[in-house]
Amino acid sequence: MSSQQDLAGGREVFRGTGSLVLWWFWVAVAAATLIDVAVQGGGHAAVVTALLVAAITGAMYGCALRPRVVADAEGIRLENPVRAYRVRWGAVEKVDAVNALRVHCVAAPGASKGRILHSWAVQSSPRAARARLRARPGKPQRATGYGRHPAPAEETTRRSSAESTAQQLDERARRERAAGAAGGQPEARWVWASIAAMAVPLVALIAVALT
């Protein structure tokens, strides 16, 4: 998990390291492909190839580069491929990680329970989820190695980066609520720039490929 901190502004950004590596790997592949197309010359096949590269680049941008979790002075912002959510600290009930980082929101007046928002950027592996289930209080744990149970230090090491991020955000939410942070219902919006980046090249590719 990659994170950036701006201590002066109280801003933290969390995103998957693997996603960033995948994005820059694709950028290198795309650049090499476009250079090769330019050297080989024009034609219908070259246009189709260029549009295919653009379509994949748009998908990689929306699904790998853009997703992140941003925590600042006001609250938590979940930036997903096509939707973004904003939750003020006073409205954060808790933050945890089950398959993905989840932000539990305080229930609206008259509602039985609040919304649960999921982050695309911060994911927890199935292996980490199984380890968490085995570590539940009161649940017998299978011995590891030569018949011994894992030591606390080993369990800490095994904790996924998603769980570490969730714990960090949950602790900050508790501090902000104790300090009287403002609440309110979560805000959601469509991210049209990301949608366009993924959809427009794909539509153009289909149109050109069928001609």
N, C-alpha and C. Protein backbone atom coordinates (compact mmCIF):
# COMPACT_ATOMS: atom_id res chain seq x y z
N MET A 1 0.83 -1.19 0.00
CA MET A 1 0.00 0.00 0.00
C MET A 1 0.87 1.25 0.00
N SER A 2 0.60 2.13 -0.94
CA SER A 2 1.34 3.38 -1.02
C SER A 2 0.54 4.48 -0.35
N SER A 3 1.22 5.34 0.40
CA SER A 3 0.53 6.44 1.07
C SER A 3 1.37 7.69 0.97
N GLN A 4 0.69 8.83 0.92
CA GLN A 4 1.34 10.12 0.91
C GLN A 4 0.74 10.96 2.03
N GLN A 5 1.56 11.74 2.68
CA GLN A 5 1.08 12.54 3.79
C GLN A 5 1.49 14.00 3.61
N ASP A 6 0.55 14.89 3.90
CA ASP A 6 0.81 16.32 3.96
C ASP A 6 0.47 16.74 5.38
N LEU A 7 1.47 16.68 6.26
CA LEU A 7 1.21 16.89 7.68
C LEU A 7 0.69 18.30 7.95
N ALA A 8 1.12 19.27 7.17
CA ALA A 8 0.67 20.64 7.41
C ALA A 8 -0.83 20.77 7.17
N GLY A 9 -1.33 20.09 6.13
CA GLY A 9 -2.75 20.17 5.83
C GLY A 9 -3.54 19.02 6.40
N GLY A 10 -2.90 18.08 7.08
CA GLY A 10 -3.60 16.93 7.63
C GLY A 10 -4.16 16.02 6.55
N ARG A 11 -3.53 15.99 5.38
CA ARG A 11 -4.04 15.22 4.25
C ARG A 11 -3.22 13.96 4.04
N GLU A 12 -3.90 12.84 3.90
CA GLU A 12 -3.26 11.55 3.65
C GLU A 12 -3.91 10.91 2.44
N VAL A 13 -3.10 10.31 1.59
CA VAL A 13 -3.60 9.64 0.39
C VAL A 13 -3.14 8.19 0.42
N PHE A 14 -4.08 7.26 0.24
CA PHE A 14 -3.78 5.83 0.25
C PHE A 14 -4.21 5.24 -1.09
N ARG A 15 -3.33 4.42 -1.65
CA ARG A 15 -3.64 3.76 -2.91
C ARG A 15 -2.80 2.50 -3.02
N GLY A 16 -3.19 1.59 -3.89
CA GLY A 16 -2.48 0.34 -4.04
C GLY A 16 -1.18 0.49 -4.81
N THR A 17 -0.10 -0.01 -4.25
CA THR A 17 1.19 0.04 -4.93
C THR A 17 1.16 -0.78 -6.22
N GLY A 18 0.50 -1.92 -6.17
CA GLY A 18 0.41 -2.77 -7.35
C GLY A 18 -0.29 -2.07 -8.51
N SER A 19 -1.30 -1.27 -8.20
CA SER A 19 -2.01 -0.54 -9.24
C SER A 19 -1.11 0.48 -9.91
N LEU A 20 -0.30 1.16 -9.12
CA LEU A 20 0.63 2.15 -9.68
C LEU A 20 1.68 1.47 -10.56
N VAL A 21 2.20 0.34 -10.11
CA VAL A 21 3.18 -0.39 -10.90
C VAL A 21 2.56 -0.83 -12.22
N LEU A 22 1.31 -1.35 -12.13
CA LEU A 22 0.61 -1.80 -13.34
C LEU A 22 0.40 -0.64 -14.30
N TRP A 23 0.03 0.54 -13.79
CA TRP A 23 -0.19 1.71 -14.64
C TRP A 23 1.07 2.11 -15.38
N TRP A 24 2.19 2.25 -14.67
CA TRP A 24 3.42 2.69 -15.32
C TRP A 24 3.98 1.63 -16.25
N PHE A 25 3.75 0.37 -15.94
CA PHE A 25 4.15 -0.69 -16.87
C PHE A 25 3.37 -0.55 -18.18
N TRP A 26 2.06 -0.32 -18.06
CA TRP A 26 1.25 -0.16 -19.26
C TRP A 26 1.65 1.09 -20.04
N VAL A 27 1.96 2.17 -19.34
CA VAL A 27 2.40 3.40 -20.03
C VAL A 27 3.61 3.11 -20.91
N ALA A 28 4.56 2.33 -20.38
CA ALA A 28 5.75 1.97 -21.16
C ALA A 28 5.37 1.12 -22.37
N VAL A 29 4.49 0.14 -22.16
CA VAL A 29 4.06 -0.72 -23.27
C VAL A 29 3.30 0.10 -24.32
N ALA A 30 2.42 0.99 -23.88
CA ALA A 30 1.65 1.80 -24.80
C ALA A 30 2.54 2.71 -25.63
N ALA A 31 3.51 3.34 -24.97
CA ALA A 31 4.43 4.23 -25.69
C ALA A 31 5.21 3.46 -26.75
N ALA A 32 5.71 2.28 -26.39
CA ALA A 32 6.47 1.47 -27.34
C ALA A 32 5.59 1.04 -28.52
N THR A 33 4.34 0.69 -28.21
CA THR A 33 3.42 0.26 -29.27
C THR A 33 3.11 1.40 -30.24
N LEU A 34 2.84 2.58 -29.71
CA LEU A 34 2.53 3.73 -30.57
C LEU A 34 3.73 4.14 -31.41
N ILE A 35 4.91 4.07 -30.86
CA ILE A 35 6.12 4.37 -31.63
C ILE A 35 6.27 3.39 -32.78
N ASP A 36 6.02 2.11 -32.49
CA ASP A 36 6.12 1.09 -33.54
C ASP A 36 5.08 1.32 -34.63
N VAL A 37 3.87 1.71 -34.24
CA VAL A 37 2.81 1.99 -35.22
C VAL A 37 3.20 3.17 -36.10
N ALA A 38 3.78 4.19 -35.49
CA ALA A 38 4.20 5.37 -36.25
C ALA A 38 5.30 5.02 -37.24
N VAL A 39 6.23 4.16 -36.84
CA VAL A 39 7.33 3.77 -37.71
C VAL A 39 6.83 2.92 -38.87
N GLN A 40 5.87 2.02 -38.58
CA GLN A 40 5.36 1.11 -39.60
C GLN A 40 4.50 1.83 -40.64
N GLY A 41 3.95 2.98 -40.30
CA GLY A 41 3.13 3.72 -41.26
C GLY A 41 1.66 3.66 -40.92
N GLY A 42 0.86 4.39 -41.71
CA GLY A 42 -0.57 4.52 -41.45
C GLY A 42 -1.38 3.35 -41.99
N GLY A 43 -2.67 3.63 -42.18
CA GLY A 43 -3.57 2.60 -42.66
C GLY A 43 -4.62 2.26 -41.61
N HIS A 44 -5.61 1.49 -42.03
CA HIS A 44 -6.72 1.12 -41.14
C HIS A 44 -6.24 0.34 -39.93
N ALA A 45 -5.33 -0.60 -40.14
CA ALA A 45 -4.83 -1.42 -39.03
C ALA A 45 -4.11 -0.56 -38.00
N ALA A 46 -3.37 0.44 -38.47
CA ALA A 46 -2.65 1.31 -37.55
C ALA A 46 -3.61 2.13 -36.70
N VAL A 47 -4.70 2.61 -37.33
CA VAL A 47 -5.70 3.39 -36.58
C VAL A 47 -6.37 2.51 -35.53
N VAL A 48 -6.70 1.29 -35.91
CA VAL A 48 -7.33 0.35 -34.96
C VAL A 48 -6.39 0.08 -33.79
N THR A 49 -5.13 -0.14 -34.09
CA THR A 49 -4.15 -0.41 -33.02
C THR A 49 -4.02 0.78 -32.09
N ALA A 50 -3.95 1.98 -32.65
CA ALA A 50 -3.81 3.18 -31.83
C ALA A 50 -5.04 3.36 -30.93
N LEU A 51 -6.22 3.12 -31.49
CA LEU A 51 -7.44 3.25 -30.69
C LEU A 51 -7.53 2.16 -29.62
N LEU A 52 -7.02 0.98 -29.94
CA LEU A 52 -7.00 -0.10 -28.93
C LEU A 52 -6.10 0.30 -27.77
N VAL A 53 -4.95 0.86 -28.08
CA VAL A 53 -4.04 1.33 -27.03
C VAL A 53 -4.73 2.42 -26.20
N ALA A 54 -5.42 3.35 -26.87
CA ALA A 54 -6.11 4.42 -26.15
C ALA A 54 -7.22 3.87 -25.26
N ALA A 55 -7.95 2.86 -25.75
CA ALA A 55 -9.03 2.26 -24.96
C ALA A 55 -8.48 1.57 -23.71
N ILE A 56 -7.40 0.82 -23.88
CA ILE A 56 -6.80 0.15 -22.73
C ILE A 56 -6.23 1.17 -21.76
N THR A 57 -5.62 2.23 -22.29
CA THR A 57 -5.07 3.28 -21.42
C THR A 57 -6.17 3.94 -20.61
N GLY A 58 -7.32 4.21 -21.25
CA GLY A 58 -8.44 4.79 -20.51
C GLY A 58 -8.92 3.88 -19.40
N ALA A 59 -9.01 2.58 -19.69
CA ALA A 59 -9.44 1.63 -18.66
C ALA A 59 -8.42 1.54 -17.53
N MET A 60 -7.14 1.57 -17.88
CA MET A 60 -6.09 1.52 -16.87
C MET A 60 -6.11 2.78 -16.00
N TYR A 61 -6.36 3.91 -16.62
CA TYR A 61 -6.45 5.15 -15.85
C TYR A 61 -7.60 5.07 -14.84
N GLY A 62 -8.77 4.67 -15.31
CA GLY A 62 -9.94 4.65 -14.43
C GLY A 62 -9.85 3.60 -13.34
N CYS A 63 -9.25 2.44 -13.66
CA CYS A 63 -9.26 1.32 -12.71
C CYS A 63 -7.97 1.16 -11.91
N ALA A 64 -6.86 1.74 -12.40
CA ALA A 64 -5.58 1.55 -11.71
C ALA A 64 -4.99 2.84 -11.17
N LEU A 65 -4.96 3.91 -11.98
CA LEU A 65 -4.31 5.14 -11.54
C LEU A 65 -5.21 6.00 -10.67
N ARG A 66 -6.46 6.16 -11.07
CA ARG A 66 -7.32 7.12 -10.38
C ARG A 66 -7.77 6.70 -8.98
N PRO A 67 -8.14 5.44 -8.74
CA PRO A 67 -8.68 5.06 -7.42
C PRO A 67 -7.72 5.37 -6.28
N ARG A 68 -8.26 5.95 -5.21
CA ARG A 68 -7.47 6.28 -4.03
C ARG A 68 -8.41 6.58 -2.88
N VAL A 69 -7.86 6.63 -1.69
CA VAL A 69 -8.59 7.07 -0.50
C VAL A 69 -7.87 8.29 0.02
N VAL A 70 -8.62 9.37 0.21
CA VAL A 70 -8.03 10.63 0.67
C VAL A 70 -8.66 11.00 2.00
N ALA A 71 -7.83 11.22 3.01
CA ALA A 71 -8.29 11.69 4.32
C ALA A 71 -7.72 13.08 4.54
N ASP A 72 -8.60 14.04 4.83
CA ASP A 72 -8.14 15.41 5.08
C ASP A 72 -8.82 15.97 6.31
N ALA A 73 -8.76 17.26 6.49
CA ALA A 73 -9.29 17.87 7.71
C ALA A 73 -10.79 17.70 7.84
N GLU A 74 -11.51 17.53 6.71
CA GLU A 74 -12.97 17.45 6.76
C GLU A 74 -13.50 16.03 6.86
N GLY A 75 -12.80 15.07 6.25
CA GLY A 75 -13.31 13.71 6.28
C GLY A 75 -12.56 12.78 5.35
N ILE A 76 -13.25 11.73 4.89
CA ILE A 76 -12.68 10.72 4.02
C ILE A 76 -13.34 10.81 2.65
N ARG A 77 -12.51 10.74 1.61
CA ARG A 77 -13.03 10.72 0.24
C ARG A 77 -12.58 9.43 -0.43
N LEU A 78 -13.54 8.66 -0.93
CA LEU A 78 -13.25 7.43 -1.65
C LEU A 78 -13.36 7.72 -3.14
N GLU A 79 -12.24 7.64 -3.83
CA GLU A 79 -12.22 7.88 -5.27
C GLU A 79 -12.20 6.52 -5.97
N ASN A 80 -13.33 6.10 -6.52
CA ASN A 80 -13.45 4.85 -7.24
C ASN A 80 -13.46 5.13 -8.75
N PRO A 81 -13.43 4.11 -9.60
CA PRO A 81 -13.32 4.36 -11.04
C PRO A 81 -14.36 5.31 -11.61
N VAL A 82 -15.64 5.16 -11.25
CA VAL A 82 -16.66 6.02 -11.85
C VAL A 82 -17.49 6.78 -10.81
N ARG A 83 -17.28 6.50 -9.52
CA ARG A 83 -18.03 7.18 -8.46
C ARG A 83 -17.06 7.66 -7.39
N ALA A 84 -17.39 8.78 -6.78
CA ALA A 84 -16.60 9.32 -5.67
C ALA A 84 -17.54 9.58 -4.50
N TYR A 85 -17.07 9.26 -3.29
CA TYR A 85 -17.88 9.43 -2.09
C TYR A 85 -17.12 10.30 -1.09
N ARG A 86 -17.86 11.15 -0.41
CA ARG A 86 -17.28 12.04 0.59
C ARG A 86 -18.03 11.85 1.89
N VAL A 87 -17.31 11.53 2.97
CA VAL A 87 -17.92 11.32 4.28
C VAL A 87 -17.20 12.20 5.29
N ARG A 88 -17.93 13.06 5.96
CA ARG A 88 -17.32 13.90 7.00
C ARG A 88 -16.98 13.05 8.22
N TRP A 89 -15.97 13.49 8.95
CA TRP A 89 -15.51 12.69 10.09
C TRP A 89 -16.62 12.42 11.08
N GLY A 90 -17.48 13.38 11.33
CA GLY A 90 -18.55 13.18 12.30
C GLY A 90 -19.57 12.14 11.88
N ALA A 91 -19.57 11.79 10.58
CA ALA A 91 -20.51 10.81 10.07
C ALA A 91 -19.88 9.43 9.90
N VAL A 92 -18.60 9.30 10.24
CA VAL A 92 -17.92 8.00 10.12
C VAL A 92 -18.13 7.22 11.41
N GLU A 93 -18.85 6.12 11.32
CA GLU A 93 -19.07 5.28 12.49
C GLU A 93 -17.85 4.42 12.78
N LYS A 94 -17.32 3.79 11.74
CA LYS A 94 -16.08 3.03 11.87
C LYS A 94 -15.53 2.75 10.47
N VAL A 95 -14.27 2.33 10.44
CA VAL A 95 -13.62 1.94 9.19
C VAL A 95 -13.01 0.56 9.41
N ASP A 96 -13.28 -0.37 8.50
CA ASP A 96 -12.68 -1.69 8.60
C ASP A 96 -12.34 -2.19 7.20
N ALA A 97 -11.86 -3.42 7.12
CA ALA A 97 -11.47 -4.00 5.84
C ALA A 97 -11.94 -5.44 5.77
N VAL A 98 -12.89 -5.71 4.87
CA VAL A 98 -13.34 -7.07 4.58
C VAL A 98 -13.39 -7.18 3.05
N ASN A 99 -12.38 -7.81 2.48
CA ASN A 99 -12.17 -7.85 1.03
C ASN A 99 -11.73 -6.49 0.49
N ALA A 100 -12.34 -5.42 0.97
CA ALA A 100 -11.93 -4.06 0.61
C ALA A 100 -12.12 -3.18 1.82
N LEU A 101 -11.46 -2.03 1.79
CA LEU A 101 -11.65 -1.06 2.88
C LEU A 101 -13.09 -0.58 2.86
N ARG A 102 -13.73 -0.52 4.04
CA ARG A 102 -15.13 -0.10 4.13
C ARG A 102 -15.27 1.04 5.12
N VAL A 103 -16.07 2.02 4.73
CA VAL A 103 -16.39 3.13 5.62
C VAL A 103 -17.85 2.98 6.03
N HIS A 104 -18.08 2.76 7.32
CA HIS A 104 -19.44 2.63 7.84
C HIS A 104 -19.93 4.02 8.25
N CYS A 105 -21.04 4.43 7.69
CA CYS A 105 -21.58 5.77 7.94
C CYS A 105 -22.65 5.72 9.03
N VAL A 106 -22.76 6.80 9.78
CA VAL A 106 -23.80 6.92 10.79
C VAL A 106 -25.16 6.91 10.11
N ALA A 107 -26.12 6.22 10.69
CA ALA A 107 -27.46 6.12 10.09
C ALA A 107 -28.14 7.49 10.03
N ALA A 108 -28.85 7.71 8.95
CA ALA A 108 -29.61 8.95 8.80
C ALA A 108 -30.79 8.93 9.76
N PRO A 109 -31.32 10.08 10.13
CA PRO A 109 -32.49 10.12 11.02
C PRO A 109 -33.64 9.27 10.47
N GLY A 110 -34.13 8.36 11.29
CA GLY A 110 -35.23 7.49 10.89
C GLY A 110 -34.79 6.21 10.22
N ALA A 111 -33.52 6.07 9.87
CA ALA A 111 -33.02 4.86 9.22
C ALA A 111 -32.52 3.87 10.26
N SER A 112 -32.66 2.58 9.94
CA SER A 112 -32.23 1.55 10.89
C SER A 112 -30.72 1.36 10.90
N LYS A 113 -30.08 1.63 9.77
CA LYS A 113 -28.62 1.49 9.71
C LYS A 113 -28.07 2.42 8.64
N GLY A 114 -26.79 2.73 8.77
CA GLY A 114 -26.14 3.64 7.83
C GLY A 114 -25.58 2.91 6.63
N ARG A 115 -25.14 3.66 5.65
CA ARG A 115 -24.56 3.09 4.45
C ARG A 115 -23.16 2.56 4.73
N ILE A 116 -22.76 1.59 3.93
CA ILE A 116 -21.39 1.08 3.97
C ILE A 116 -20.78 1.33 2.60
N LEU A 117 -19.72 2.13 2.56
CA LEU A 117 -19.08 2.50 1.32
C LEU A 117 -17.79 1.71 1.16
N HIS A 118 -17.55 1.21 -0.04
CA HIS A 118 -16.38 0.38 -0.30
C HIS A 118 -15.37 1.13 -1.17
N SER A 119 -14.10 0.88 -0.90
CA SER A 119 -13.02 1.50 -1.67
C SER A 119 -12.50 0.52 -2.71
N TRP A 120 -12.38 0.99 -3.95
CA TRP A 120 -11.78 0.19 -5.01
C TRP A 120 -10.26 0.14 -4.83
N ALA A 121 -9.69 1.21 -4.31
CA ALA A 121 -8.23 1.35 -4.27
C ALA A 121 -7.57 0.48 -3.21
N VAL A 122 -8.22 0.29 -2.08
CA VAL A 122 -7.62 -0.43 -0.95
C VAL A 122 -8.33 -1.76 -0.80
N GLN A 123 -7.69 -2.81 -1.26
CA GLN A 123 -8.27 -4.14 -1.27
C GLN A 123 -7.56 -5.05 -0.28
N SER A 124 -8.31 -6.01 0.26
CA SER A 124 -7.74 -7.00 1.16
C SER A 124 -7.81 -8.36 0.48
N SER A 125 -6.71 -9.09 0.47
CA SER A 125 -6.66 -10.37 -0.23
C SER A 125 -7.51 -11.42 0.49
N PRO A 126 -8.05 -12.42 -0.23
CA PRO A 126 -8.79 -13.50 0.42
C PRO A 126 -7.98 -14.22 1.49
N ARG A 127 -6.66 -14.33 1.27
CA ARG A 127 -5.80 -14.99 2.27
C ARG A 127 -5.82 -14.21 3.58
N ALA A 128 -5.77 -12.86 3.48
CA ALA A 128 -5.81 -12.04 4.69
C ALA A 128 -7.15 -12.18 5.39
N ALA A 129 -8.23 -12.29 4.60
CA ALA A 129 -9.55 -12.45 5.20
C ALA A 129 -9.65 -13.76 5.96
N ARG A 130 -9.10 -14.85 5.37
CA ARG A 130 -9.13 -16.14 6.07
C ARG A 130 -8.31 -16.09 7.35
N ALA A 131 -7.16 -15.40 7.30
CA ALA A 131 -6.33 -15.28 8.50
C ALA A 131 -7.06 -14.50 9.58
N ARG A 132 -7.83 -13.50 9.18
CA ARG A 132 -8.57 -12.70 10.15
C ARG A 132 -9.67 -13.55 10.81
N LEU A 133 -10.32 -14.40 10.03
CA LEU A 133 -11.36 -15.26 10.60
C LEU A 133 -10.76 -16.26 11.59
N ARG A 134 -9.58 -16.78 11.26
CA ARG A 134 -8.93 -17.73 12.17
C ARG A 134 -8.51 -17.06 13.47
N ALA A 135 -8.26 -15.75 13.39
CA ALA A 135 -7.76 -15.03 14.57
C ALA A 135 -8.87 -14.47 15.45
N ARG A 136 -10.13 -14.74 15.11
CA ARG A 136 -11.22 -14.22 15.93
C ARG A 136 -11.16 -14.77 17.35
N PRO A 137 -11.49 -13.93 18.35
CA PRO A 137 -11.47 -14.40 19.74
C PRO A 137 -12.42 -15.57 19.93
N GLY A 138 -11.96 -16.59 20.65
CA GLY A 138 -12.80 -17.75 20.93
C GLY A 138 -12.79 -18.79 19.86
N LYS A 139 -12.18 -18.49 18.71
CA LYS A 139 -12.11 -19.46 17.62
C LYS A 139 -10.78 -20.20 17.69
N PRO A 140 -10.81 -21.54 17.78
CA PRO A 140 -9.55 -22.28 17.86
C PRO A 140 -8.70 -22.02 16.63
N GLN A 141 -7.41 -21.89 16.84
CA GLN A 141 -6.48 -21.67 15.75
C GLN A 141 -5.68 -22.93 15.48
N ARG A 142 -5.49 -23.18 14.18
CA ARG A 142 -4.68 -24.34 13.82
C ARG A 142 -3.21 -24.04 14.07
N ALA A 143 -2.50 -25.04 14.48
CA ALA A 143 -1.07 -24.86 14.73
C ALA A 143 -0.35 -24.64 13.41
N THR A 144 0.72 -23.89 13.47
CA THR A 144 1.53 -23.65 12.29
C THR A 144 2.95 -24.10 12.56
N GLY A 145 3.69 -24.37 11.50
CA GLY A 145 5.08 -24.80 11.68
C GLY A 145 5.13 -26.14 12.38
N TYR A 146 5.92 -26.23 13.46
CA TYR A 146 6.10 -27.48 14.20
C TYR A 146 5.13 -27.55 15.37
N GLY A 147 3.85 -27.44 15.06
CA GLY A 147 2.84 -27.60 16.08
C GLY A 147 2.68 -26.42 17.00
N ARG A 148 3.18 -25.25 16.62
CA ARG A 148 3.06 -24.09 17.49
C ARG A 148 2.07 -23.08 16.92
N HIS A 149 1.49 -22.28 17.77
CA HIS A 149 0.61 -21.21 17.34
C HIS A 149 1.44 -19.99 16.99
N PRO A 150 0.99 -19.19 16.02
CA PRO A 150 1.78 -18.01 15.65
C PRO A 150 1.87 -17.02 16.79
N ALA A 151 3.01 -16.43 16.96
CA ALA A 151 3.22 -15.43 18.00
C ALA A 151 2.52 -14.15 17.59
N PRO A 152 2.23 -13.26 18.58
CA PRO A 152 1.59 -11.99 18.25
C PRO A 152 2.34 -11.20 17.19
N ALA A 153 3.67 -11.22 17.25
CA ALA A 153 4.45 -10.47 16.26
C ALA A 153 4.21 -11.00 14.86
N GLU A 154 4.05 -12.34 14.75
CA GLU A 154 3.79 -12.93 13.44
C GLU A 154 2.42 -12.50 12.93
N GLU A 155 1.43 -12.44 13.81
CA GLU A 155 0.10 -12.03 13.40
C GLU A 155 0.11 -10.59 12.91
N THR A 156 0.89 -9.73 13.58
CA THR A 156 0.99 -8.34 13.16
C THR A 156 1.59 -8.25 11.77
N THR A 157 2.61 -9.07 11.52
CA THR A 157 3.25 -9.06 10.21
C THR A 157 2.29 -9.51 9.13
N ARG A 158 1.43 -10.49 9.47
CA ARG A 158 0.51 -11.03 8.48
C ARG A 158 -0.66 -10.08 8.19
N ARG A 159 -0.88 -9.12 9.04
CA ARG A 159 -2.00 -8.22 8.84
C ARG A 159 -1.86 -7.50 7.50
N SER A 160 -2.92 -7.48 6.74
CA SER A 160 -2.85 -6.90 5.40
C SER A 160 -2.70 -5.40 5.47
N SER A 161 -2.18 -4.84 4.38
CA SER A 161 -2.04 -3.39 4.30
C SER A 161 -3.40 -2.72 4.35
N ALA A 162 -4.44 -3.39 3.81
CA ALA A 162 -5.79 -2.83 3.87
C ALA A 162 -6.25 -2.69 5.31
N GLU A 163 -5.98 -3.71 6.13
CA GLU A 163 -6.37 -3.65 7.53
C GLU A 163 -5.60 -2.57 8.27
N SER A 164 -4.32 -2.41 7.94
CA SER A 164 -3.52 -1.36 8.58
C SER A 164 -4.07 0.02 8.23
N THR A 165 -4.42 0.21 6.95
CA THR A 165 -5.00 1.48 6.52
C THR A 165 -6.33 1.72 7.21
N ALA A 166 -7.16 0.67 7.28
CA ALA A 166 -8.46 0.81 7.93
C ALA A 166 -8.30 1.19 9.40
N GLN A 167 -7.36 0.55 10.08
CA GLN A 167 -7.14 0.86 11.49
C GLN A 167 -6.68 2.30 11.66
N GLN A 168 -5.79 2.74 10.79
CA GLN A 168 -5.28 4.11 10.86
C GLN A 168 -6.41 5.13 10.65
N LEU A 169 -7.27 4.87 9.67
CA LEU A 169 -8.38 5.79 9.41
C LEU A 169 -9.43 5.72 10.51
N ASP A 170 -9.66 4.53 11.06
CA ASP A 170 -10.64 4.39 12.13
C ASP A 170 -10.19 5.15 13.38
N GLU A 171 -8.90 5.06 13.69
CA GLU A 171 -8.38 5.79 14.85
C GLU A 171 -8.48 7.30 14.63
N ARG A 172 -8.20 7.73 13.42
CA ARG A 172 -8.32 9.17 13.15
C ARG A 172 -9.77 9.62 13.24
N ALA A 173 -10.70 8.78 12.75
CA ALA A 173 -12.12 9.13 12.83
C ALA A 173 -12.56 9.27 14.29
N ARG A 174 -12.07 8.39 15.14
CA ARG A 174 -12.41 8.48 16.57
C ARG A 174 -11.90 9.79 17.17
N ARG A 175 -10.68 10.15 16.81
CA ARG A 175 -10.11 11.40 17.33
C ARG A 175 -10.90 12.61 16.82
N GLU A 176 -11.25 12.59 15.56
CA GLU A 176 -11.97 13.72 14.98
C GLU A 176 -13.37 13.84 15.59
N ARG A 177 -14.05 12.71 15.81
CA ARG A 177 -15.38 12.76 16.44
C ARG A 177 -15.28 13.29 17.86
N ALA A 178 -14.25 12.84 18.59
CA ALA A 178 -14.07 13.31 19.97
C ALA A 178 -13.80 14.80 20.01
N ALA A 179 -13.21 15.32 18.93
CA ALA A 179 -12.91 16.76 18.87
C ALA A 179 -14.10 17.57 18.35
N GLY A 180 -15.22 16.89 18.10
CA GLY A 180 -16.43 17.59 17.66
C GLY A 180 -16.53 17.82 16.18
N ALA A 181 -16.01 16.90 15.36
CA ALA A 181 -16.07 17.05 13.91
C ALA A 181 -17.51 17.06 13.42
N ALA A 182 -17.75 17.81 12.37
CA ALA A 182 -19.10 17.92 11.79
C ALA A 182 -19.51 16.61 11.14
N GLY A 183 -20.82 16.35 11.17
CA GLY A 183 -21.35 15.15 10.56
C GLY A 183 -22.12 15.45 9.29
N GLY A 184 -23.14 14.67 9.02
CA GLY A 184 -23.92 14.83 7.80
C GLY A 184 -23.91 13.56 6.99
N GLN A 185 -24.78 13.48 6.02
CA GLN A 185 -24.88 12.29 5.19
C GLN A 185 -23.79 12.28 4.13
N PRO A 186 -23.36 11.07 3.73
CA PRO A 186 -22.30 10.97 2.72
C PRO A 186 -22.75 11.56 1.38
N GLU A 187 -21.80 12.14 0.68
CA GLU A 187 -22.07 12.72 -0.63
C GLU A 187 -21.49 11.81 -1.71
N ALA A 188 -22.22 11.66 -2.80
CA ALA A 188 -21.77 10.81 -3.90
C ALA A 188 -21.90 11.59 -5.21
N ARG A 189 -20.98 11.34 -6.12
CA ARG A 189 -21.04 11.98 -7.43
C ARG A 189 -20.43 11.07 -8.49
N TRP A 190 -20.91 11.21 -9.72
CA TRP A 190 -20.32 10.51 -10.85
C TRP A 190 -19.06 11.24 -11.28
N VAL A 191 -18.04 10.51 -11.66
CA VAL A 191 -16.79 11.11 -12.13
C VAL A 191 -16.80 11.04 -13.66
N TRP A 192 -17.32 12.07 -14.27
CA TRP A 192 -17.54 12.05 -15.71
C TRP A 192 -16.24 12.03 -16.49
N ALA A 193 -15.19 12.66 -15.99
CA ALA A 193 -13.91 12.65 -16.70
C ALA A 193 -13.37 11.22 -16.82
N SER A 194 -13.48 10.46 -15.74
CA SER A 194 -13.02 9.07 -15.76
C SER A 194 -13.90 8.23 -16.67
N ILE A 195 -15.20 8.44 -16.62
CA ILE A 195 -16.12 7.70 -17.48
C ILE A 195 -15.80 7.97 -18.95
N ALA A 196 -15.57 9.26 -19.27
CA ALA A 196 -15.24 9.62 -20.65
C ALA A 196 -13.92 9.01 -21.09
N ALA A 197 -12.93 9.01 -20.19
CA ALA A 197 -11.62 8.46 -20.54
C ALA A 197 -11.72 6.97 -20.87
N MET A 198 -12.65 6.26 -20.24
CA MET A 198 -12.81 4.84 -20.51
C MET A 198 -13.76 4.56 -21.66
N ALA A 199 -14.81 5.37 -21.80
CA ALA A 199 -15.85 5.08 -22.77
C ALA A 199 -15.56 5.60 -24.17
N VAL A 200 -15.06 6.82 -24.28
CA VAL A 200 -14.87 7.44 -25.60
C VAL A 200 -13.92 6.65 -26.49
N PRO A 201 -12.70 6.30 -26.02
CA PRO A 201 -11.82 5.51 -26.90
C PRO A 201 -12.41 4.15 -27.27
N LEU A 202 -13.17 3.54 -26.35
CA LEU A 202 -13.77 2.24 -26.64
C LEU A 202 -14.83 2.36 -27.72
N VAL A 203 -15.67 3.39 -27.64
CA VAL A 203 -16.69 3.61 -28.66
C VAL A 203 -16.04 3.88 -30.02
N ALA A 204 -14.98 4.71 -30.01
CA ALA A 204 -14.28 5.02 -31.25
C ALA A 204 -13.64 3.77 -31.85
N LEU A 205 -13.08 2.92 -30.99
CA LEU A 205 -12.46 1.68 -31.45
C LEU A 205 -13.50 0.79 -32.13
N ILE A 206 -14.65 0.64 -31.50
CA ILE A 206 -15.70 -0.22 -32.07
C ILE A 206 -16.17 0.34 -33.41
N ALA A 207 -16.36 1.65 -33.45
CA ALA A 207 -16.83 2.28 -34.69
C ALA A 207 -15.85 2.10 -35.84
N VAL A 208 -14.55 2.30 -35.57
CA VAL A 208 -13.53 2.17 -36.61
C VAL A 208 -13.33 0.71 -37.00
N ALA A 209 -13.35 -0.19 -36.00
CA ALA A 209 -13.11 -1.61 -36.29
C ALA A 209 -14.22 -2.20 -37.16
N LEU A 210 -15.43 -1.66 -37.05
CA LEU A 210 -16.57 -2.20 -37.82
C LEU A 210 -16.69 -1.59 -39.20
N THR A 211 -15.87 -0.60 -39.51
CA THR A 211 -15.95 0.02 -40.82
C THR A 211 -15.00 -0.63 -41.83
